[in-house]
Protein backbone atom coordinates (compact mmCIF):
# COMPACT_ATOMS: atom_id res chain seq x y z
CA MET A 1 107.00 91.23 92.81
CA ALA A 2 104.88 94.31 93.44
CA THR A 3 105.77 97.62 91.85
CA LEU A 4 104.94 101.25 92.50
CA GLU A 5 102.72 103.14 90.11
CA LYS A 6 103.71 106.80 89.99
CA ARG A 7 104.31 109.72 87.70
CA ARG A 8 107.32 111.96 88.34
CA HIS A 9 107.29 115.64 87.48
CA GLU A 10 110.22 118.04 87.62
CA VAL A 11 108.97 121.34 89.00
CA PRO A 12 111.27 124.38 88.90
CA TYR A 13 110.58 126.61 91.90
CA GLY A 14 112.86 129.34 93.16
CA ALA A 15 116.49 128.33 92.68
CA HIS A 16 115.77 124.58 92.76
CA VAL A 17 114.03 121.87 90.78
CA TRP A 18 111.68 119.70 92.82
CA GLU A 19 110.90 116.08 91.95
CA VAL A 20 107.20 115.55 92.56
CA ASP A 21 105.85 111.99 92.54
CA GLU A 22 102.10 111.42 92.09
CA PHE A 23 101.23 107.89 93.12
CA ASP A 24 98.56 105.74 91.46
CA GLY A 25 97.11 102.38 92.40
CA PRO A 26 97.09 101.47 96.09
CA ASN A 27 99.17 104.54 97.00
CA ALA A 28 96.84 107.09 95.37
CA PRO A 29 96.29 109.94 96.06
CA LEU A 30 99.70 110.29 97.77
CA VAL A 31 101.96 113.03 96.40
CA VAL A 32 105.57 113.33 97.57
CA ALA A 33 107.88 116.25 96.72
CA GLU A 34 111.65 116.16 97.07
CA VAL A 35 114.36 118.73 96.55
CA GLU A 36 118.13 118.13 96.51
CA LEU A 37 120.13 120.58 98.59
CA SER A 38 123.89 121.09 98.58
CA ALA A 39 123.96 121.50 102.38
CA ILE A 40 121.59 120.54 105.18
CA ASP A 41 121.15 124.19 106.15
CA GLU A 42 120.73 125.50 102.59
CA ALA A 43 117.79 127.89 102.29
CA PHE A 44 115.11 127.04 99.74
CA GLU A 45 111.65 128.19 98.74
CA HIS A 46 108.85 125.84 99.75
CA LEU A 47 106.22 124.91 97.22
CA PRO A 48 103.01 126.62 98.40
CA TRP A 49 101.09 123.33 98.76
CA LEU A 50 103.72 121.41 100.76
CA GLY A 51 102.47 119.53 103.78
CA GLU A 52 104.21 117.48 106.43
CA GLU A 53 107.99 116.90 106.31
CA VAL A 54 108.49 113.13 105.85
CA SER A 55 112.18 112.87 104.92
CA GLU A 56 113.04 110.87 108.03
CA ASN A 57 109.87 108.73 107.99
CA PRO A 58 110.71 105.27 106.59
CA ALA A 59 107.04 104.60 105.80
CA TYR A 60 107.38 106.88 102.75
CA SER A 61 110.27 104.97 101.17
CA ASN A 62 109.49 103.23 97.89
CA SER A 63 110.12 99.78 99.37
CA ALA A 64 107.81 100.49 102.32
CA LEU A 65 105.06 101.83 100.06
CA VAL A 66 105.15 98.61 98.02
CA GLN A 67 104.70 96.47 101.16
CA HIS A 68 102.30 98.80 103.00
CA PRO A 69 100.48 101.05 100.51
CA HIS A 70 99.29 104.44 101.64
CA SER A 71 95.64 103.43 101.16
CA THR A 72 95.99 100.84 103.94
CA TRP A 73 97.22 103.32 106.54
CA SER A 74 94.65 104.04 109.22
CA ASN A 75 95.16 107.81 108.87
CA ALA A 76 95.30 107.85 105.05
């Protein structure tokens, strides 16, 4: 069974703590940042280096990244 190689960092920013995953192995150099909100319309400060919103993209789920690593994507 394949596994993901990643390091998770907790990054306080504004009023929230972001979970930032840095992927290694076949998913390097992918970095994914996540913040938990109490409501879908809750305001929050964006980390200055944030890129594309991928919350609804199933390709970024852990199980998908195991089966189809980021390095194999044609636009990676």
